[in-house]
Amino acid sequence: TQAIRLRHNTITFFDDLCVDCGACINICPENVFVPVIDEISDFEKYEFLIAIPSRILYTQFGLNIHPELVHQALKKIGFDAVVDVSQISHELSFVISEHLKTDLKAKPIISSFCPSVIRLIQVSYPNLMELISIFDVPREITAKEAKKKYAEELGINISKIGVIYITPCPAMVVSIKQPAEKEKSWIDGAIAIKD
């Protein structure tokens, strides 16, 4: 996107061209760019803490490590509950498929899953905005449903429930802290998988 330019041995950063992809973090030999991340201790203010792991987390382990073992480990490090996005992902796939069958004007649809793609369209291709999926992403739907469920089950205010997304992607972290597609995320923070 040419958000970072090098001229006469001087680097200039153009914030308005940045799409929050995180490529600068991975490529910079001087480590000038650092990801915005949270620590588990940042969430001590919540009475109940929910982890929503990116599906990529499960692939970091061997085939003999069942996702339930990953969930148990997350609970041991301080989460009260772990909610998987798989069910919502499957349901959303069905909804989108049905939407495409019934609304012939809906094609093509650009997935809203990747926040960097959304930001790239906003910055460089605004004429494509109307093609972005109208449906929210699985991580947001999962967070919303989990907060409502546990607030009702535990009898506590929804604002006292914290939802943390565990992700390898800096763009996901930015989209949680500064959502480009809506006013506020249902997710309260994010932790990098490596952390």
Protein backbone atom coordinates (compact mmCIF):
# COMPACT_ATOMS: atom_id res chain seq x y z
CA THR A 1 0.00 0.00 0.00
CA GLN A 2 3.08 2.21 0.10
CA ALA A 3 2.35 3.15 3.69
CA ILE A 4 6.09 2.91 4.41
CA ARG A 5 8.46 4.67 2.07
CA LEU A 6 12.22 4.98 2.10
CA ARG A 7 13.66 8.13 0.55
CA HIS A 8 17.20 9.40 1.05
CA ASN A 9 17.77 6.86 3.85
CA THR A 10 14.76 8.21 5.75
CA ILE A 11 11.68 6.13 6.45
CA THR A 12 8.32 7.86 6.26
CA PHE A 13 5.15 6.20 7.54
CA PHE A 14 1.78 7.21 6.10
CA ASP A 15 -0.84 6.13 8.61
CA ASP A 16 -3.73 6.80 6.22
CA LEU A 17 -2.36 4.20 3.76
CA CYS A 18 -1.71 1.52 6.38
CA VAL A 19 -4.03 -1.49 6.23
CA ASP A 20 -2.83 -3.01 9.53
CA CYS A 21 -1.56 -6.19 7.84
CA GLY A 22 1.46 -6.53 10.13
CA ALA A 23 3.95 -7.07 7.29
CA CYS A 24 6.11 -4.26 8.68
CA ILE A 25 6.41 -6.09 12.00
CA ASN A 26 7.72 -9.23 10.32
CA ILE A 27 10.05 -7.57 7.82
CA CYS A 28 11.68 -4.68 9.72
CA PRO A 29 15.28 -5.64 10.61
CA GLU A 30 15.43 -2.87 13.23
CA ASN A 31 12.21 -3.96 15.00
CA VAL A 32 10.87 -0.43 14.72
CA PHE A 33 7.31 -1.71 14.40
CA VAL A 34 5.88 -3.67 17.30
CA PRO A 35 2.48 -5.30 17.54
CA VAL A 36 -0.14 -3.89 19.87
CA ILE A 37 -0.89 -6.76 22.22
CA ASP A 38 -2.49 -7.37 25.57
CA GLU A 39 -1.29 -9.40 28.53
CA ILE A 40 -3.53 -11.73 30.53
CA SER A 41 -2.95 -9.46 33.55
CA ASP A 42 -4.67 -6.64 31.59
CA PHE A 43 -7.95 -8.50 32.05
CA GLU A 44 -7.99 -8.87 35.82
CA LYS A 45 -10.80 -6.30 35.97
CA TYR A 46 -13.28 -8.87 34.65
CA GLU A 47 -15.15 -11.23 36.94
CA PHE A 48 -15.31 -13.92 34.27
CA LEU A 49 -12.77 -14.38 31.49
CA ILE A 50 -13.48 -16.24 28.24
CA ALA A 51 -10.84 -17.32 25.72
CA ILE A 52 -11.76 -17.64 22.06
CA PRO A 53 -8.84 -19.33 20.33
CA SER A 54 -8.28 -18.80 16.64
CA ARG A 55 -8.62 -22.15 14.90
CA ILE A 56 -4.95 -21.75 13.97
CA LEU A 57 -3.98 -22.31 17.62
CA TYR A 58 -4.97 -25.98 17.39
CA THR A 59 -2.65 -26.55 14.42
CA GLN A 60 0.37 -25.59 16.52
CA PHE A 61 0.29 -28.97 18.23
CA GLY A 62 0.62 -32.54 16.98
CA LEU A 63 -2.31 -34.61 15.83
CA ASN A 64 -2.32 -36.40 19.18
CA ILE A 65 -3.19 -33.17 21.04
CA HIS A 66 -6.97 -32.89 21.12
CA PRO A 67 -8.47 -29.36 21.22
CA GLU A 68 -9.93 -30.20 24.64
CA LEU A 69 -6.38 -30.45 26.02
CA VAL A 70 -5.68 -26.99 24.62
CA HIS A 71 -8.85 -25.74 26.34
CA GLN A 72 -7.75 -27.28 29.65
CA ALA A 73 -4.37 -25.57 29.36
CA LEU A 74 -6.03 -22.21 28.69
CA LYS A 75 -8.14 -22.66 31.81
CA LYS A 76 -5.00 -23.43 33.83
CA ILE A 77 -3.43 -20.12 32.82
CA GLY A 78 -6.42 -18.11 34.02
CA PHE A 79 -9.41 -18.35 31.70
CA ASP A 80 -12.74 -19.37 33.22
CA ALA A 81 -14.13 -20.70 29.96
CA VAL A 82 -12.97 -21.47 26.44
CA VAL A 83 -15.35 -21.12 23.52
CA ASP A 84 -14.55 -22.56 20.10
CA VAL A 85 -15.54 -20.70 16.91
CA SER A 86 -16.08 -23.87 14.87
CA GLN A 87 -19.84 -24.20 15.37
CA ILE A 88 -20.53 -20.56 14.52
CA SER A 89 -18.19 -20.84 11.51
CA HIS A 90 -20.20 -23.78 10.15
CA GLU A 91 -23.52 -22.06 10.79
CA LEU A 92 -22.31 -18.87 9.15
CA SER A 93 -21.11 -20.80 6.09
CA PHE A 94 -24.60 -22.25 5.72
CA VAL A 95 -26.24 -18.83 6.11
CA ILE A 96 -23.96 -17.26 3.51
CA SER A 97 -24.55 -20.16 1.13
CA GLU A 98 -28.32 -19.78 1.47
CA HIS A 99 -28.03 -16.02 1.04
CA LEU A 100 -26.14 -16.50 -2.23
CA LYS A 101 -28.80 -18.93 -3.50
CA THR A 102 -31.71 -16.63 -2.73
CA ASP A 103 -30.31 -13.17 -3.44
CA LEU A 104 -29.02 -13.17 -7.01
CA LYS A 105 -27.82 -9.55 -6.66
CA ALA A 106 -25.52 -10.60 -3.81
CA LYS A 107 -22.70 -11.87 -6.04
CA PRO A 108 -19.80 -11.56 -5.69
CA ILE A 109 -19.34 -11.25 -1.95
CA ILE A 110 -15.99 -10.34 -0.43
CA SER A 111 -15.43 -12.08 2.88
CA SER A 112 -15.15 -9.79 5.89
CA PHE A 113 -13.00 -12.30 7.79
CA CYS A 114 -9.67 -10.54 7.25
CA PRO A 115 -9.55 -7.01 8.69
CA SER A 116 -6.59 -6.11 6.45
CA VAL A 117 -8.64 -6.88 3.34
CA ILE A 118 -11.47 -4.69 4.65
CA ARG A 119 -9.03 -1.87 5.40
CA LEU A 120 -7.34 -2.26 1.99
CA ILE A 121 -10.71 -1.90 0.30
CA GLN A 122 -11.53 1.15 2.42
CA VAL A 123 -8.18 2.77 1.61
CA SER A 124 -7.56 1.80 -1.99
CA TYR A 125 -10.76 0.42 -3.51
CA PRO A 126 -13.76 2.16 -1.89
CA ASN A 127 -15.93 1.31 -4.90
CA LEU A 128 -15.83 -2.33 -3.71
CA MET A 129 -17.25 -1.57 -0.24
CA GLU A 130 -20.75 -2.61 -1.26
CA LEU A 131 -19.45 -6.10 -2.10
CA ILE A 132 -18.20 -6.84 1.43
CA SER A 133 -20.26 -9.48 3.21
CA ILE A 134 -23.05 -8.07 5.35
CA PHE A 135 -22.53 -10.85 7.89
CA ASP A 136 -20.38 -10.45 10.96
CA VAL A 137 -17.31 -12.68 11.36
CA PRO A 138 -17.34 -15.88 13.46
CA ARG A 139 -15.07 -14.50 16.20
CA GLU A 140 -17.44 -11.57 16.81
CA ILE A 141 -20.61 -13.69 16.75
CA THR A 142 -18.97 -16.21 19.09
CA ALA A 143 -17.93 -13.45 21.51
CA LYS A 144 -21.41 -11.88 21.52
CA GLU A 145 -23.17 -15.21 22.11
CA ALA A 146 -20.67 -16.29 24.80
CA LYS A 147 -21.06 -13.03 26.72
CA LYS A 148 -24.85 -13.27 26.64
CA LYS A 149 -24.84 -16.95 27.63
CA TYR A 150 -22.48 -16.59 30.59
CA ALA A 151 -24.10 -13.35 31.80
CA GLU A 152 -27.43 -15.18 31.98
CA GLU A 153 -26.01 -18.40 33.46
CA LEU A 154 -23.89 -16.65 36.09
CA GLY A 155 -26.29 -13.79 36.80
CA ILE A 156 -23.62 -11.13 36.27
CA ASN A 157 -23.57 -7.99 34.18
CA ILE A 158 -22.31 -8.55 30.65
CA SER A 159 -19.76 -5.74 31.15
CA LYS A 160 -18.04 -7.86 33.83
CA ILE A 161 -17.33 -10.63 31.31
CA GLY A 162 -14.12 -10.31 29.33
CA VAL A 163 -13.60 -12.06 26.00
CA ILE A 164 -10.05 -12.52 24.77
CA TYR A 165 -9.19 -13.67 21.25
CA ILE A 166 -6.01 -15.72 20.84
CA THR A 167 -4.58 -15.05 17.40
CA PRO A 168 -1.37 -15.06 15.35
CA CYS A 169 -2.51 -12.03 13.36
CA PRO A 170 -1.66 -8.41 14.25
CA ALA A 171 -4.51 -7.23 12.02
CA MET A 172 -7.03 -9.10 14.19
CA VAL A 173 -5.69 -7.33 17.27
CA VAL A 174 -6.06 -3.94 15.61
CA SER A 175 -9.58 -4.78 14.40
CA ILE A 176 -10.58 -5.60 17.98
CA LYS A 177 -9.11 -2.41 19.41
CA GLN A 178 -10.19 -0.17 16.50
CA PRO A 179 -12.86 -1.92 14.43
CA ALA A 180 -13.07 -0.42 10.94
CA GLU A 181 -16.40 -2.02 10.15
CA LYS A 182 -18.37 -1.12 13.30
CA GLU A 183 -18.31 1.01 16.40
CA LYS A 184 -17.16 -1.56 18.99
CA SER A 185 -15.98 -5.14 19.04
CA TRP A 186 -17.61 -7.74 21.29
CA ILE A 187 -14.05 -8.92 22.01
CA ASP A 188 -12.26 -7.08 24.80
CA GLY A 189 -8.68 -7.85 23.85
CA ALA A 190 -6.32 -10.18 22.06
CA ILE A 191 -3.24 -12.19 22.91
CA ALA A 192 -0.77 -13.43 20.33
CA ILE A 193 -0.51 -17.20 20.01
CA LYS A 194 3.25 -17.05 20.64
CA ASP A 195 2.60 -15.33 23.98
